[in-house]
Protein backbone atom coordinates (compact mmCIF):
# COMPACT_ATOMS: atom_id res chain seq x y z
CA MET A 1 -21.06 16.32 -10.45
CA LYS A 2 -20.23 19.74 -9.05
CA LYS A 3 -16.63 20.69 -9.29
CA GLU A 4 -16.32 21.64 -5.65
CA THR A 5 -17.50 18.20 -4.54
CA TRP A 6 -15.34 16.24 -6.97
CA LEU A 7 -12.49 14.79 -4.91
CA PRO A 8 -9.87 14.44 -7.70
CA GLY A 9 -10.48 18.08 -8.56
CA GLU A 10 -10.02 19.10 -4.93
CA LEU A 11 -6.78 17.16 -4.71
CA TYR A 12 -5.46 18.76 -7.88
CA ARG A 13 -6.31 22.27 -6.75
CA ASN A 14 -4.68 21.62 -3.38
CA ARG A 15 -1.75 19.61 -4.77
CA ARG A 16 0.91 21.91 -3.33
CA LEU A 17 -0.64 21.81 0.11
CA VAL A 18 -0.99 18.02 -0.07
CA LEU A 19 2.67 17.55 -1.04
CA SER A 20 3.82 20.03 1.61
CA LEU A 21 1.83 18.27 4.34
CA ALA A 22 3.04 14.86 3.15
CA LYS A 23 6.69 15.95 3.29
CA ASN A 24 6.18 17.46 6.74
CA ASP A 25 4.39 14.31 7.93
CA PHE A 26 7.27 12.15 6.74
CA LYS A 27 9.83 14.32 8.52
CA THR A 28 7.96 14.79 11.80
CA LYS A 29 7.12 11.10 12.15
CA TYR A 30 10.66 10.46 13.35
CA ALA A 31 11.43 13.89 14.75
CA GLY A 32 13.46 13.76 17.95
CA SER A 33 15.12 10.41 17.22
CA TYR A 34 18.87 10.39 16.62
CA PHE A 35 18.73 8.75 13.20
CA GLY A 36 15.54 10.56 12.16
CA THR A 37 13.93 9.36 8.92
CA VAL A 38 16.51 6.57 8.57
CA TRP A 39 14.25 4.49 10.82
CA ALA A 40 11.60 4.54 8.08
CA PHE A 41 13.93 2.39 5.97
CA ILE A 42 15.63 0.27 8.63
CA GLN A 43 12.53 -1.61 9.81
CA PRO A 44 11.48 -2.92 6.37
CA VAL A 45 15.07 -3.94 5.58
CA VAL A 46 15.33 -5.88 8.85
CA THR A 47 11.97 -7.55 8.15
CA ILE A 48 13.10 -8.63 4.68
CA CYS A 49 16.33 -10.08 6.11
CA VAL A 50 14.41 -12.04 8.76
CA TYR A 51 11.96 -13.49 6.24
CA TRP A 52 14.81 -14.32 3.86
CA PHE A 53 16.65 -16.18 6.60
CA VAL A 54 13.59 -18.08 7.82
CA PHE A 55 12.08 -19.04 4.47
CA GLY A 56 15.04 -18.93 2.13
CA LEU A 57 17.69 -20.48 4.34
CA ALA A 58 16.43 -22.03 7.56
CA LEU A 59 13.33 -23.67 6.10
CA ARG A 60 14.72 -24.01 2.59
CA GLY A 61 11.62 -22.32 1.22
CA GLY A 62 13.50 -20.96 -1.76
CA ALA A 63 12.32 -23.44 -4.38
CA ASP A 64 13.33 -22.82 -7.97
CA ARG A 65 11.50 -19.68 -9.05
CA GLY A 66 13.85 -18.58 -11.80
CA VAL A 67 15.68 -16.13 -9.53
CA PRO A 68 17.25 -16.33 -6.04
CA PHE A 69 14.63 -16.52 -3.34
CA VAL A 70 15.51 -13.13 -1.85
CA LEU A 71 14.68 -11.44 -5.17
CA TRP A 72 11.35 -13.25 -5.40
CA LEU A 73 10.64 -12.31 -1.78
CA VAL A 74 11.38 -8.59 -1.98
CA ALA A 75 9.23 -8.26 -5.10
CA GLY A 76 6.25 -9.26 -2.97
CA LEU A 77 7.18 -7.55 0.28
CA VAL A 78 7.81 -4.04 -1.09
CA PRO A 79 4.22 -3.41 -2.26
CA TRP A 80 2.91 -5.03 0.93
CA PHE A 81 4.96 -2.63 3.08
CA PHE A 82 3.41 0.28 1.17
CA PHE A 83 -0.09 -1.12 1.64
CA GLN A 84 0.50 -1.70 5.34
CA ASP A 85 2.05 1.67 6.13
CA GLY A 86 -0.39 3.61 3.97
CA LEU A 87 -3.44 1.86 5.43
CA ILE A 88 -2.39 2.33 9.05
CA GLY A 89 -1.38 5.96 8.52
CA GLY A 90 -4.44 6.82 6.43
CA THR A 91 -6.84 5.19 8.89
CA ASN A 92 -5.51 7.27 11.77
CA SER A 93 -5.08 10.49 9.76
CA LEU A 94 -8.10 12.27 11.23
CA LEU A 95 -7.18 11.24 14.77
CA GLU A 96 -3.61 12.43 14.32
CA TYR A 97 -4.58 15.72 12.67
CA ASN A 98 -7.63 16.36 14.85
CA TYR A 99 -6.56 19.98 15.33
CA LEU A 100 -6.97 20.51 11.58
CA VAL A 101 -10.29 18.68 11.52
CA LYS A 102 -11.67 21.22 13.98
CA LYS A 103 -10.76 24.11 11.69
CA VAL A 104 -13.82 25.09 9.69
CA VAL A 105 -11.84 26.42 6.73
CA PHE A 106 -9.58 23.39 6.31
CA ASN A 107 -10.43 20.76 3.69
CA ILE A 108 -10.12 17.57 5.74
CA ARG A 109 -10.70 15.31 2.74
CA ILE A 110 -7.06 15.70 1.78
CA LEU A 111 -5.74 14.24 5.07
CA PRO A 112 -5.95 10.53 4.10
CA VAL A 113 -4.14 11.39 0.85
CA VAL A 114 -1.39 13.14 2.80
CA LYS A 115 -0.67 10.01 4.86
CA VAL A 116 -0.69 7.72 1.82
CA ILE A 117 1.72 9.99 -0.07
CA SER A 118 3.95 10.12 3.01
CA ALA A 119 4.12 6.31 2.98
CA GLY A 120 4.74 6.50 -0.77
CA PHE A 121 8.07 8.30 -0.20
CA VAL A 122 9.46 5.20 1.49
CA HIS A 123 7.93 2.98 -1.17
CA CYS A 124 9.67 4.88 -3.99
CA PHE A 125 12.98 4.51 -2.17
CA PHE A 126 12.52 0.76 -1.85
CA VAL A 127 11.54 0.34 -5.48
CA LEU A 128 14.84 1.95 -6.44
CA ILE A 129 16.73 -0.26 -3.99
CA VAL A 130 15.03 -3.36 -5.42
CA LEU A 131 16.10 -2.40 -8.94
CA VAL A 132 19.68 -1.96 -7.74
CA ILE A 133 19.62 -5.32 -5.93
CA TYR A 134 18.29 -7.11 -9.00
CA THR A 135 21.00 -5.52 -11.15
CA CYS A 136 23.82 -6.34 -8.70
CA MET A 137 22.69 -9.98 -8.51
CA GLY A 138 22.78 -10.39 -12.27
CA TYR A 139 19.10 -9.85 -13.07
CA PRO A 140 18.94 -6.34 -14.54
CA PRO A 141 15.42 -4.99 -15.04
CA THR A 142 13.95 -5.02 -18.54
CA TRP A 143 11.47 -2.57 -20.02
CA TYR A 144 8.77 -4.55 -18.19
CA ALA A 145 10.04 -2.87 -15.02
CA LEU A 146 8.34 0.31 -16.21
CA GLN A 147 5.13 -1.40 -15.15
CA LEU A 148 6.18 -0.77 -11.55
CA ILE A 149 4.91 2.78 -12.06
CA TYR A 150 1.51 1.39 -13.02
CA TYR A 151 1.38 -1.13 -10.18
CA SER A 152 2.53 1.49 -7.66
CA PHE A 153 -0.38 3.63 -8.79
CA CYS A 154 -2.66 0.61 -8.39
CA ILE A 155 -1.67 0.03 -4.78
CA PHE A 156 -1.86 3.79 -4.10
CA MET A 157 -5.46 3.91 -5.31
CA LEU A 158 -6.38 0.75 -3.41
CA ILE A 159 -4.97 2.16 -0.16
CA LEU A 160 -6.77 5.44 -0.72
CA ALA A 161 -10.07 3.69 -1.38
CA VAL A 162 -9.82 1.69 1.84
CA THR A 163 -8.62 4.59 3.98
CA TYR A 164 -11.54 6.84 3.09
CA PHE A 165 -13.73 4.15 4.62
CA SER A 166 -11.54 3.37 7.60
CA SER A 167 -10.53 6.94 8.49
CA ALA A 168 -14.18 7.99 8.64
CA VAL A 169 -15.32 5.00 10.68
CA VAL A 170 -12.41 4.98 13.16
CA VAL A 171 -13.44 8.42 14.44
CA PHE A 172 -16.59 6.81 15.88
CA PHE A 173 -15.25 3.29 16.43
CA ARG A 174 -11.66 3.51 17.70
CA ASP A 175 -11.32 -0.27 17.93
CA LEU A 176 -11.14 -0.36 14.14
CA SER A 177 -7.42 0.48 14.35
CA GLN A 178 -6.77 -2.71 16.30
CA ILE A 179 -8.95 -4.73 13.95
CA ILE A 180 -6.97 -3.43 10.98
CA ASN A 181 -3.67 -4.30 12.67
CA ILE A 182 -4.87 -7.86 13.23
CA GLY A 183 -6.18 -8.01 9.67
CA LEU A 184 -2.79 -6.96 8.32
CA GLN A 185 -1.05 -9.65 10.39
CA VAL A 186 -3.35 -12.24 8.84
CA GLY A 187 -3.26 -10.66 5.41
CA VAL A 188 0.50 -10.94 4.97
CA TRP A 189 0.15 -14.72 5.28
CA VAL A 190 -3.07 -15.09 3.28
CA THR A 191 -1.57 -13.13 0.40
CA PRO A 192 1.01 -15.20 -1.55
CA ILE A 193 3.97 -13.04 -0.59
CA MET A 194 6.22 -15.57 1.14
CA TRP A 195 4.68 -18.58 -0.56
CA SER A 196 3.23 -19.43 -3.95
CA PHE A 197 0.23 -21.50 -4.94
CA SER A 198 2.53 -24.22 -6.26
CA ASP A 199 4.36 -24.39 -2.90
CA LEU A 200 1.15 -25.43 -1.16
CA GLY A 201 -0.30 -27.35 -4.07
CA LEU A 202 -3.39 -25.13 -4.13
CA THR A 203 -5.71 -25.43 -7.12
CA GLY A 204 -9.35 -25.02 -8.03
CA ILE A 205 -11.84 -22.88 -6.18
CA LEU A 206 -9.55 -22.06 -3.23
CA THR A 207 -7.00 -20.52 -5.59
CA LYS A 208 -9.69 -18.42 -7.24
CA ILE A 209 -10.93 -17.20 -3.86
CA LEU A 210 -7.44 -16.17 -2.73
CA LYS A 211 -6.89 -14.32 -6.01
CA LEU A 212 -9.91 -12.14 -5.20
CA ASN A 213 -7.64 -10.37 -2.70
CA PRO A 214 -6.86 -7.14 -4.63
CA VAL A 215 -3.38 -6.97 -3.10
CA PHE A 216 -2.59 -10.23 -4.91
CA TYR A 217 -2.96 -8.41 -8.24
CA VAL A 218 -0.28 -5.90 -7.25
CA VAL A 219 2.10 -8.44 -5.68
CA GLN A 220 1.86 -10.64 -8.76
CA GLY A 221 2.30 -7.55 -10.91
CA TYR A 222 5.59 -6.68 -9.26
CA ARG A 223 6.85 -10.21 -9.90
CA ASP A 224 5.57 -10.12 -13.46
CA SER A 225 7.48 -6.87 -14.00
CA LEU A 226 10.76 -7.95 -12.40
CA ILE A 227 10.90 -11.73 -12.83
CA ASP A 228 8.39 -13.26 -15.24
CA HIS A 229 8.33 -10.36 -17.73
CA VAL A 230 4.58 -10.45 -18.23
CA GLY A 231 2.54 -7.40 -19.19
CA PHE A 232 -0.49 -6.35 -17.15
CA TRP A 233 -2.59 -6.55 -20.33
CA GLN A 234 -1.99 -10.30 -20.32
CA HIS A 235 -4.21 -10.57 -17.24
CA PRO A 236 -7.36 -8.83 -18.55
CA ALA A 237 -9.79 -10.50 -16.14
CA LEU A 238 -7.71 -9.72 -13.03
CA THR A 239 -7.05 -6.18 -14.24
CA LEU A 240 -10.73 -5.53 -14.84
CA TYR A 241 -11.64 -7.03 -11.46
CA PHE A 242 -9.02 -5.00 -9.59
CA TRP A 243 -10.10 -1.67 -11.03
CA ALA A 244 -13.79 -2.42 -10.69
CA PHE A 245 -13.27 -3.35 -7.03
CA THR A 246 -11.03 -0.35 -6.32
CA LEU A 247 -13.17 2.27 -8.05
CA VAL A 248 -16.40 1.05 -6.48
CA LEU A 249 -14.73 1.02 -3.06
CA PHE A 250 -13.29 4.49 -3.70
CA PHE A 251 -16.71 5.85 -4.66
CA LEU A 252 -18.42 4.32 -1.64
CA GLY A 253 -15.60 5.34 0.71
CA THR A 254 -15.60 8.98 -0.36
CA ARG A 255 -19.39 9.10 -0.13
CA LEU A 256 -19.30 7.75 3.42
CA PHE A 257 -16.51 10.15 4.36
CA LYS A 258 -18.47 13.13 3.03
CA LYS A 259 -21.61 12.02 4.86
CA LEU A 260 -19.87 11.62 8.22
CA GLN A 261 -17.41 14.53 8.09
CA VAL A 262 -19.92 17.02 9.50
CA HIS A 263 -19.75 15.07 12.77
CA PHE A 264 -15.96 14.64 12.98
CA ALA A 265 -15.22 17.85 14.88
CA ASP A 266 -17.88 17.09 17.49
CA VAL A 267 -16.52 13.60 18.19
CA LEU A 268 -12.85 14.55 18.14
């Protein structure tokens, strides 16, 4: 493969530009508001508190999971927030930065990465907050928590793989943004984030089908790292499936993006 067409090589050579654009994107997203970037953290915190109240207190959904329900909940919600924000931002990256797309000399293939990294800033903050919360509640992280670096990279690559598909298609089919929003609303309930398989008594083929959701691998990985103290190498089949799915999707997504990018400026 030619070096100039190899996406990881392009990203590495433009790493300073990517990071600069990601930082600027994060700052300008809330420009003009009184509290600025603080809003990026307030909404997820409020969401966690609402879910904790509804499922952990009001509905008594906090069955014995080895840790308080709120700790089990946040371990699943934090990677989902990253997936949600990164997917929405990455999908709309070309629409938002259409003025850069129209510049002949600008490498537009870095734009989805910029939006995912921007969402990653908030994710890193919440991972640190989660570690502090676990420690304050008497469940200090063990060395298994180092796996959070690995699982964060997993969800980053998954988001990137999906957004190269979606960002290219949404230029020609704007309704895709609404479809993705609806899909995310369904996905947060289909993925075992606020419930577990044992809660619903699910077994057999249905359980296997739900585990095909690649986000499940990451959500379970966060809980394995913080609660169950299980290494990712102890799930060889799921690990192999996740990376096979993600890398194939990444390859196909980047190929589609490259094929369609010559038409982006005309449509936008």
